[in-house]
Amino acid sequence: LTASVLEASMKVLGFSVKSKNLKGTHVKALRDAAAAIAAGTNLMAKHIANEKCGDNLDIIEELRVENSSLKESLKDVRKELEEIKE
């Protein structure tokens, strides 16, 4: 549900940017609406996750940080491996 709302928001944003026949005030209104929809959707998703996960949210965030660190380490190791191969 969150993904579909965010996708629709991005379509509105894309339409507002690409359309040449809209007045500037309408473009701004569409951009503001798309931003508000995206922000609201993210807040609702986070709130729902808090209700479902509760205390586990801290653990999930810690795992995300650790996962990101591991991805960076993997990139570094791959670079070193490529340098060794050359």
Protein backbone atom coordinates (compact mmCIF):
# COMPACT_ATOMS: atom_id res chain seq x y z
CA LEU A 1 0.00 0.00 0.00
CA THR A 2 2.77 2.41 0.93
CA ALA A 3 4.64 1.68 -2.28
CA SER A 4 1.57 2.27 -4.46
CA VAL A 5 0.80 5.60 -2.77
CA LEU A 6 4.41 6.72 -3.12
CA GLU A 7 4.40 5.65 -6.76
CA ALA A 8 1.25 7.67 -7.41
CA SER A 9 2.82 10.64 -5.67
CA MET A 10 5.88 10.36 -7.91
CA LYS A 11 3.64 10.23 -10.99
CA VAL A 12 1.95 13.46 -9.90
CA LEU A 13 5.34 15.05 -9.33
CA GLY A 14 6.59 13.84 -12.71
CA PHE A 15 3.48 15.13 -14.44
CA SER A 16 3.85 18.53 -12.82
CA VAL A 17 7.46 18.82 -13.95
CA LYS A 18 6.97 17.58 -17.51
CA SER A 19 3.74 19.37 -18.40
CA LYS A 20 4.32 22.52 -20.41
CA ASN A 21 0.69 23.73 -20.36
CA LEU A 22 0.38 24.27 -16.60
CA LYS A 23 0.67 27.63 -14.91
CA GLY A 24 3.43 28.00 -12.35
CA THR A 25 0.95 28.14 -9.49
CA HIS A 26 -0.58 24.83 -10.54
CA VAL A 27 2.85 23.23 -10.85
CA LYS A 28 3.72 24.40 -7.35
CA ALA A 29 0.42 23.09 -5.97
CA LEU A 30 1.01 19.67 -7.57
CA ARG A 31 4.59 19.54 -6.25
CA ASP A 32 3.46 20.50 -2.76
CA ALA A 33 0.68 17.92 -2.86
CA ALA A 34 3.07 15.19 -4.02
CA ALA A 35 5.53 16.07 -1.25
CA ALA A 36 2.78 16.10 1.38
CA ILE A 37 1.45 12.73 0.20
CA ALA A 38 4.91 11.18 0.26
CA ALA A 39 5.72 12.59 3.71
CA GLY A 40 2.37 11.53 5.14
CA THR A 41 2.70 8.05 3.71
CA ASN A 42 6.17 7.63 5.18
CA LEU A 43 4.99 8.83 8.58
CA MET A 44 2.01 6.48 8.52
CA ALA A 45 4.17 3.54 7.51
CA LYS A 46 6.62 4.28 10.31
CA HIS A 47 3.78 4.63 12.81
CA ILE A 48 2.29 1.31 11.73
CA ALA A 49 5.71 -0.32 11.98
CA ASN A 50 6.07 1.04 15.51
CA GLU A 51 2.74 -0.46 16.49
CA LYS A 52 3.56 -3.83 14.95
CA CYS A 53 7.21 -4.06 15.95
CA GLY A 54 7.29 -1.88 19.03
CA ASP A 55 10.55 -2.58 20.83
CA ASN A 56 12.00 -4.38 17.83
CA LEU A 57 12.26 -1.12 15.88
CA ASP A 58 15.56 -0.26 17.60
CA ILE A 59 16.94 -3.67 16.68
CA ILE A 60 15.79 -3.24 13.08
CA GLU A 61 17.48 0.16 12.84
CA GLU A 62 20.68 -1.28 14.32
CA LEU A 63 20.60 -4.08 11.77
CA ARG A 64 20.10 -1.57 8.94
CA VAL A 65 23.16 0.39 10.06
CA GLU A 66 25.21 -2.79 10.38
CA ASN A 67 24.03 -3.98 6.97
CA SER A 68 25.05 -0.68 5.41
CA SER A 69 28.48 -0.95 7.03
CA LEU A 70 28.90 -4.48 5.73
CA LYS A 71 27.95 -3.37 2.21
CA GLU A 72 30.62 -0.68 2.32
CA SER A 73 33.18 -3.20 3.57
CA LEU A 74 32.24 -5.55 0.76
CA LYS A 75 32.75 -2.77 -1.79
CA ASP A 76 36.20 -2.07 -0.35
CA VAL A 77 37.16 -5.74 -0.47
CA ARG A 78 35.96 -5.99 -4.07
CA LYS A 79 38.05 -2.94 -5.01
CA GLU A 80 41.12 -4.45 -3.36
CA LEU A 81 40.49 -7.74 -5.15
CA GLU A 82 40.24 -5.96 -8.50
CA GLU A 83 43.49 -4.11 -7.80
CA ILE A 84 45.21 -7.38 -6.96
CA LYS A 85 43.92 -8.98 -10.18
CA GLU A 86 45.38 -6.15 -12.27
